[in-house]
Amino acid sequence: MSEESIANMQAFYQQKLMEKGKQIMTIDLRTFDINEWMSKCFFTEKSINDMKEYQIVGQFRGNKLLINQHPMIIGDEIIDDMANILSDKTIDEMNGFKEQYLGPPPELEELIYGRKLIFI
């Protein structure tokens, strides 16, 4: 990611956390239900059942989830918001990576996959 995109994402994330509230988030690991936690967007609390797409974000070591940073679902509305603040340089880099490693020629891509994919 370009420096501009990183700065934009950090500001976006901080803004969303401020909107969510300044309360400290605590999780009681004795009663924590990961399925409930991962059933809705962290930022909007919209259910994954009501989304067309979402991303799962977490920090892992091998196949183990590290709990020093909470896992989260990022819903389609937030994904769109984040995609809109990426710099042209970052978008070009991501599209180049996608074309080189992930898929068919662009002229066939929409026929196979539908709308364009952006990684965040």
N, C-alpha and C. Protein backbone atom coordinates (compact mmCIF):
# COMPACT_ATOMS: atom_id res chain seq x y z
N MET A 1 0.84 -1.19 0.00
CA MET A 1 0.00 0.00 0.00
C MET A 1 0.88 1.24 0.00
N SER A 2 0.41 2.25 -0.68
CA SER A 2 1.13 3.51 -0.70
C SER A 2 1.03 4.19 0.66
N GLU A 3 1.93 5.13 0.91
CA GLU A 3 1.90 5.89 2.16
C GLU A 3 0.57 6.63 2.30
N GLU A 4 0.07 7.14 1.19
CA GLU A 4 -1.21 7.86 1.21
C GLU A 4 -2.35 6.92 1.63
N SER A 5 -2.38 5.73 1.08
CA SER A 5 -3.43 4.76 1.42
C SER A 5 -3.32 4.33 2.88
N ILE A 6 -2.11 4.10 3.36
CA ILE A 6 -1.92 3.71 4.75
C ILE A 6 -2.44 4.81 5.68
N ALA A 7 -2.09 6.05 5.39
CA ALA A 7 -2.56 7.17 6.21
C ALA A 7 -4.08 7.28 6.15
N ASN A 8 -4.64 7.12 4.95
CA ASN A 8 -6.10 7.18 4.81
C ASN A 8 -6.79 6.08 5.60
N MET A 9 -6.24 4.87 5.55
CA MET A 9 -6.83 3.73 6.27
C MET A 9 -6.74 3.93 7.78
N GLN A 10 -5.59 4.40 8.25
CA GLN A 10 -5.44 4.63 9.68
C GLN A 10 -6.44 5.68 10.17
N ALA A 11 -6.58 6.77 9.43
CA ALA A 11 -7.54 7.81 9.80
C ALA A 11 -8.97 7.27 9.77
N PHE A 12 -9.28 6.48 8.75
CA PHE A 12 -10.61 5.90 8.62
C PHE A 12 -10.91 5.00 9.82
N TYR A 13 -9.97 4.12 10.15
CA TYR A 13 -10.14 3.19 11.26
C TYR A 13 -10.34 3.94 12.57
N GLN A 14 -9.52 4.96 12.81
CA GLN A 14 -9.65 5.77 14.03
C GLN A 14 -11.00 6.47 14.09
N GLN A 15 -11.45 7.00 12.95
CA GLN A 15 -12.75 7.66 12.90
C GLN A 15 -13.86 6.68 13.25
N LYS A 16 -13.81 5.50 12.67
CA LYS A 16 -14.84 4.49 12.93
C LYS A 16 -14.83 4.05 14.39
N LEU A 17 -13.66 3.94 14.98
CA LEU A 17 -13.59 3.58 16.40
C LEU A 17 -14.17 4.70 17.27
N MET A 18 -13.91 5.94 16.90
CA MET A 18 -14.48 7.07 17.64
C MET A 18 -16.01 7.07 17.53
N GLU A 19 -16.52 6.76 16.35
CA GLU A 19 -17.97 6.69 16.15
C GLU A 19 -18.58 5.58 17.00
N LYS A 20 -17.84 4.51 17.16
CA LYS A 20 -18.31 3.36 17.93
C LYS A 20 -18.36 3.67 19.42
N GLY A 21 -17.58 4.61 19.83
CA GLY A 21 -17.56 4.99 21.23
C GLY A 21 -16.18 4.86 21.82
N LYS A 22 -15.97 5.54 22.90
CA LYS A 22 -14.65 5.56 23.54
C LYS A 22 -14.52 4.53 24.65
N GLN A 23 -15.55 3.72 24.85
CA GLN A 23 -15.50 2.73 25.92
C GLN A 23 -14.42 1.69 25.63
N ILE A 24 -13.82 1.21 26.66
CA ILE A 24 -12.82 0.15 26.54
C ILE A 24 -13.54 -1.16 26.27
N MET A 25 -13.06 -1.90 25.32
CA MET A 25 -13.68 -3.17 24.97
C MET A 25 -13.03 -4.27 25.81
N THR A 26 -13.86 -5.00 26.54
CA THR A 26 -13.35 -6.13 27.30
C THR A 26 -14.11 -7.38 26.88
N ILE A 27 -13.42 -8.48 26.93
CA ILE A 27 -14.01 -9.77 26.56
C ILE A 27 -13.71 -10.75 27.69
N ASP A 28 -14.75 -11.36 28.24
CA ASP A 28 -14.59 -12.40 29.25
C ASP A 28 -14.38 -13.72 28.51
N LEU A 29 -13.17 -14.23 28.51
CA LEU A 29 -12.84 -15.44 27.75
C LEU A 29 -13.57 -16.68 28.27
N ARG A 30 -14.10 -16.64 29.48
CA ARG A 30 -14.84 -17.78 30.00
C ARG A 30 -16.21 -17.90 29.36
N THR A 31 -16.78 -16.78 28.91
CA THR A 31 -18.13 -16.80 28.33
C THR A 31 -18.16 -16.31 26.89
N PHE A 32 -17.01 -16.00 26.34
CA PHE A 32 -16.93 -15.43 24.99
C PHE A 32 -17.43 -16.43 23.95
N ASP A 33 -18.32 -15.98 23.09
CA ASP A 33 -18.87 -16.81 22.01
C ASP A 33 -18.36 -16.28 20.68
N ILE A 34 -17.36 -16.94 20.11
CA ILE A 34 -16.75 -16.48 18.87
C ILE A 34 -17.76 -16.45 17.72
N ASN A 35 -18.70 -17.38 17.72
CA ASN A 35 -19.71 -17.41 16.66
C ASN A 35 -20.60 -16.17 16.71
N GLU A 36 -20.98 -15.76 17.89
CA GLU A 36 -21.78 -14.54 18.04
C GLU A 36 -20.96 -13.32 17.62
N TRP A 37 -19.71 -13.26 18.09
CA TRP A 37 -18.82 -12.13 17.79
C TRP A 37 -18.62 -11.98 16.27
N MET A 38 -18.46 -13.10 15.60
CA MET A 38 -18.16 -13.09 14.17
C MET A 38 -19.41 -13.18 13.30
N SER A 39 -20.56 -12.88 13.86
CA SER A 39 -21.81 -12.96 13.10
C SER A 39 -22.26 -11.61 12.56
N LYS A 40 -21.49 -10.54 12.86
CA LYS A 40 -21.89 -9.21 12.41
C LYS A 40 -20.67 -8.33 12.17
N CYS A 41 -20.89 -7.29 11.38
CA CYS A 41 -19.82 -6.33 11.09
C CYS A 41 -19.40 -5.63 12.38
N PHE A 42 -18.12 -5.56 12.62
CA PHE A 42 -17.59 -4.92 13.82
C PHE A 42 -18.01 -3.45 13.88
N PHE A 43 -18.02 -2.77 12.74
CA PHE A 43 -18.28 -1.34 12.71
C PHE A 43 -19.76 -0.98 12.66
N THR A 44 -20.55 -1.72 11.88
CA THR A 44 -21.95 -1.35 11.68
C THR A 44 -22.91 -2.26 12.46
N GLU A 45 -22.42 -3.39 12.92
CA GLU A 45 -23.21 -4.41 13.62
C GLU A 45 -24.28 -5.04 12.73
N LYS A 46 -24.15 -4.87 11.42
CA LYS A 46 -25.05 -5.52 10.46
C LYS A 46 -24.70 -7.01 10.41
N SER A 47 -25.73 -7.85 10.42
CA SER A 47 -25.55 -9.30 10.40
C SER A 47 -24.92 -9.75 9.08
N ILE A 48 -24.06 -10.76 9.15
CA ILE A 48 -23.46 -11.28 7.92
C ILE A 48 -24.52 -11.90 7.02
N ASN A 49 -25.63 -12.30 7.59
CA ASN A 49 -26.73 -12.85 6.79
C ASN A 49 -27.38 -11.80 5.90
N ASP A 50 -27.17 -10.53 6.23
CA ASP A 50 -27.74 -9.43 5.45
C ASP A 50 -26.72 -8.78 4.51
N MET A 51 -25.57 -9.40 4.35
CA MET A 51 -24.50 -8.85 3.52
C MET A 51 -24.31 -9.69 2.26
N LYS A 52 -23.88 -9.01 1.19
CA LYS A 52 -23.52 -9.72 -0.03
C LYS A 52 -22.11 -10.29 0.11
N GLU A 53 -21.25 -9.56 0.82
CA GLU A 53 -19.88 -10.01 1.04
C GLU A 53 -19.36 -9.40 2.32
N TYR A 54 -18.32 -10.03 2.87
CA TYR A 54 -17.65 -9.51 4.06
C TYR A 54 -16.25 -10.11 4.11
N GLN A 55 -15.41 -9.48 4.93
CA GLN A 55 -14.07 -10.01 5.14
C GLN A 55 -13.88 -10.34 6.61
N ILE A 56 -13.14 -11.39 6.85
CA ILE A 56 -12.80 -11.78 8.21
C ILE A 56 -11.36 -11.34 8.46
N VAL A 57 -11.16 -10.61 9.54
CA VAL A 57 -9.84 -10.07 9.86
C VAL A 57 -9.41 -10.62 11.22
N GLY A 58 -8.20 -11.09 11.29
CA GLY A 58 -7.67 -11.58 12.55
C GLY A 58 -6.16 -11.70 12.46
N GLN A 59 -5.54 -11.88 13.59
CA GLN A 59 -4.09 -12.06 13.62
C GLN A 59 -3.84 -13.50 14.05
N PHE A 60 -3.03 -14.20 13.25
CA PHE A 60 -2.83 -15.63 13.46
C PHE A 60 -1.35 -15.98 13.54
N ARG A 61 -1.07 -17.06 14.22
CA ARG A 61 0.24 -17.70 14.19
C ARG A 61 -0.05 -19.14 13.80
N GLY A 62 0.29 -19.47 12.56
CA GLY A 62 -0.10 -20.79 12.04
C GLY A 62 -1.60 -20.87 11.96
N ASN A 63 -2.17 -21.91 12.55
CA ASN A 63 -3.63 -22.06 12.53
C ASN A 63 -4.28 -21.61 13.84
N LYS A 64 -3.56 -20.86 14.65
CA LYS A 64 -4.06 -20.39 15.95
C LYS A 64 -4.34 -18.89 15.90
N LEU A 65 -5.53 -18.51 16.40
CA LEU A 65 -5.90 -17.11 16.49
C LEU A 65 -5.21 -16.49 17.69
N LEU A 66 -4.49 -15.39 17.47
CA LEU A 66 -3.88 -14.65 18.57
C LEU A 66 -4.91 -13.68 19.12
N ILE A 67 -4.98 -13.56 20.42
CA ILE A 67 -6.01 -12.72 21.00
C ILE A 67 -5.49 -11.36 21.47
N ASN A 68 -4.30 -10.98 21.03
CA ASN A 68 -3.81 -9.65 21.37
C ASN A 68 -4.48 -8.57 20.53
N GLN A 69 -5.16 -8.98 19.46
CA GLN A 69 -5.98 -8.07 18.67
C GLN A 69 -7.26 -8.84 18.32
N HIS A 70 -8.39 -8.24 18.60
CA HIS A 70 -9.65 -8.96 18.41
C HIS A 70 -9.91 -9.24 16.94
N PRO A 71 -10.47 -10.42 16.65
CA PRO A 71 -10.88 -10.71 15.28
C PRO A 71 -12.12 -9.88 14.96
N MET A 72 -12.38 -9.66 13.68
CA MET A 72 -13.56 -8.89 13.33
C MET A 72 -14.05 -9.23 11.94
N ILE A 73 -15.30 -8.95 11.73
CA ILE A 73 -15.93 -9.01 10.41
C ILE A 73 -16.01 -7.58 9.91
N ILE A 74 -15.59 -7.37 8.67
CA ILE A 74 -15.76 -6.06 8.03
C ILE A 74 -16.77 -6.27 6.91
N GLY A 75 -17.92 -5.60 7.04
CA GLY A 75 -19.02 -5.79 6.11
C GLY A 75 -18.87 -5.02 4.81
N ASP A 76 -19.76 -5.33 3.88
CA ASP A 76 -19.69 -4.78 2.53
C ASP A 76 -19.73 -3.25 2.47
N GLU A 77 -20.52 -2.62 3.34
CA GLU A 77 -20.58 -1.16 3.34
C GLU A 77 -19.22 -0.55 3.69
N ILE A 78 -18.58 -1.12 4.70
CA ILE A 78 -17.27 -0.61 5.15
C ILE A 78 -16.20 -0.94 4.11
N ILE A 79 -16.28 -2.12 3.49
CA ILE A 79 -15.33 -2.47 2.43
C ILE A 79 -15.40 -1.44 1.31
N ASP A 80 -16.62 -1.07 0.91
CA ASP A 80 -16.78 -0.06 -0.13
C ASP A 80 -16.19 1.28 0.30
N ASP A 81 -16.45 1.67 1.54
CA ASP A 81 -15.90 2.93 2.06
C ASP A 81 -14.37 2.90 2.03
N MET A 82 -13.79 1.78 2.43
CA MET A 82 -12.33 1.66 2.46
C MET A 82 -11.75 1.67 1.05
N ALA A 83 -12.41 1.00 0.12
CA ALA A 83 -11.93 0.97 -1.26
C ALA A 83 -11.91 2.36 -1.86
N ASN A 84 -12.86 3.20 -1.46
CA ASN A 84 -12.95 4.56 -2.01
C ASN A 84 -11.85 5.49 -1.52
N ILE A 85 -11.13 5.12 -0.47
CA ILE A 85 -10.07 6.01 0.03
C ILE A 85 -8.67 5.53 -0.35
N LEU A 86 -8.59 4.44 -1.12
CA LEU A 86 -7.29 3.96 -1.58
C LEU A 86 -6.74 4.89 -2.66
N SER A 87 -5.44 5.08 -2.65
CA SER A 87 -4.80 5.92 -3.66
C SER A 87 -4.77 5.19 -5.00
N ASP A 88 -4.61 5.95 -6.07
CA ASP A 88 -4.48 5.35 -7.41
C ASP A 88 -3.29 4.40 -7.47
N LYS A 89 -2.21 4.78 -6.80
CA LYS A 89 -1.01 3.94 -6.79
C LYS A 89 -1.30 2.57 -6.18
N THR A 90 -2.02 2.54 -5.08
CA THR A 90 -2.36 1.29 -4.42
C THR A 90 -3.30 0.46 -5.28
N ILE A 91 -4.30 1.10 -5.86
CA ILE A 91 -5.25 0.38 -6.72
C ILE A 91 -4.53 -0.24 -7.91
N ASP A 92 -3.61 0.51 -8.53
CA ASP A 92 -2.84 -0.03 -9.65
C ASP A 92 -2.02 -1.24 -9.22
N GLU A 93 -1.40 -1.16 -8.05
CA GLU A 93 -0.59 -2.27 -7.54
C GLU A 93 -1.46 -3.50 -7.28
N MET A 94 -2.61 -3.30 -6.66
CA MET A 94 -3.51 -4.43 -6.37
C MET A 94 -4.06 -5.05 -7.64
N ASN A 95 -4.43 -4.23 -8.58
CA ASN A 95 -4.94 -4.76 -9.84
C ASN A 95 -3.86 -5.52 -10.60
N GLY A 96 -2.61 -5.02 -10.56
CA GLY A 96 -1.50 -5.72 -11.19
C GLY A 96 -1.26 -7.08 -10.55
N PHE A 97 -1.31 -7.13 -9.22
CA PHE A 97 -1.14 -8.40 -8.50
C PHE A 97 -2.25 -9.37 -8.89
N LYS A 98 -3.48 -8.88 -8.90
CA LYS A 98 -4.63 -9.72 -9.23
C LYS A 98 -4.50 -10.28 -10.64
N GLU A 99 -4.14 -9.44 -11.58
CA GLU A 99 -4.01 -9.89 -12.97
C GLU A 99 -2.90 -10.91 -13.12
N GLN A 100 -1.79 -10.70 -12.41
CA GLN A 100 -0.65 -11.60 -12.56
C GLN A 100 -0.87 -12.94 -11.87
N TYR A 101 -1.51 -12.94 -10.70
CA TYR A 101 -1.55 -14.16 -9.90
C TYR A 101 -2.93 -14.80 -9.71
N LEU A 102 -4.00 -14.07 -9.93
CA LEU A 102 -5.29 -14.58 -9.48
C LEU A 102 -6.33 -14.87 -10.54
N GLY A 103 -6.09 -14.54 -11.76
CA GLY A 103 -7.23 -14.78 -12.60
C GLY A 103 -7.00 -14.77 -14.08
N PRO A 104 -8.11 -14.94 -14.76
CA PRO A 104 -8.10 -14.98 -16.23
C PRO A 104 -7.90 -13.57 -16.79
N PRO A 105 -7.76 -13.47 -18.11
CA PRO A 105 -7.63 -12.17 -18.73
C PRO A 105 -8.82 -11.28 -18.37
N PRO A 106 -8.60 -9.98 -18.22
CA PRO A 106 -9.67 -9.06 -17.80
C PRO A 106 -10.93 -9.15 -18.66
N GLU A 107 -10.77 -9.42 -19.95
CA GLU A 107 -11.96 -9.46 -20.82
C GLU A 107 -12.88 -10.63 -20.48
N LEU A 108 -12.34 -11.67 -19.82
CA LEU A 108 -13.17 -12.81 -19.41
C LEU A 108 -13.58 -12.75 -17.94
N GLU A 109 -12.92 -11.89 -17.18
CA GLU A 109 -13.12 -11.84 -15.74
C GLU A 109 -14.57 -11.58 -15.35
N GLU A 110 -15.20 -10.57 -15.94
CA GLU A 110 -16.58 -10.26 -15.57
C GLU A 110 -17.54 -11.37 -15.93
N LEU A 111 -17.27 -12.06 -17.02
CA LEU A 111 -18.14 -13.18 -17.40
C LEU A 111 -18.07 -14.31 -16.37
N ILE A 112 -16.89 -14.50 -15.78
CA ILE A 112 -16.68 -15.59 -14.84
C ILE A 112 -17.05 -15.17 -13.41
N TYR A 113 -16.51 -14.01 -12.98
CA TYR A 113 -16.61 -13.62 -11.58
C TYR A 113 -17.61 -12.51 -11.28
N GLY A 114 -18.11 -11.83 -12.27
CA GLY A 114 -18.99 -10.69 -11.98
C GLY A 114 -18.17 -9.44 -11.77
N ARG A 115 -18.56 -8.63 -10.79
CA ARG A 115 -17.89 -7.35 -10.59
C ARG A 115 -16.45 -7.49 -10.11
N LYS A 116 -15.68 -6.41 -10.25
CA LYS A 116 -14.26 -6.43 -9.91
C LYS A 116 -14.02 -6.64 -8.43
N LEU A 117 -12.89 -7.27 -8.11
CA LEU A 117 -12.51 -7.60 -6.77
C LEU A 117 -11.42 -6.65 -6.29
N ILE A 118 -11.54 -6.13 -5.08
CA ILE A 118 -10.50 -5.28 -4.49
C ILE A 118 -10.12 -5.89 -3.15
N PHE A 119 -8.82 -6.10 -2.94
CA PHE A 119 -8.32 -6.62 -1.67
C PHE A 119 -7.96 -5.47 -0.76
N ILE A 120 -8.31 -5.59 0.51
CA ILE A 120 -7.99 -4.56 1.50
C ILE A 120 -7.15 -5.18 2.58
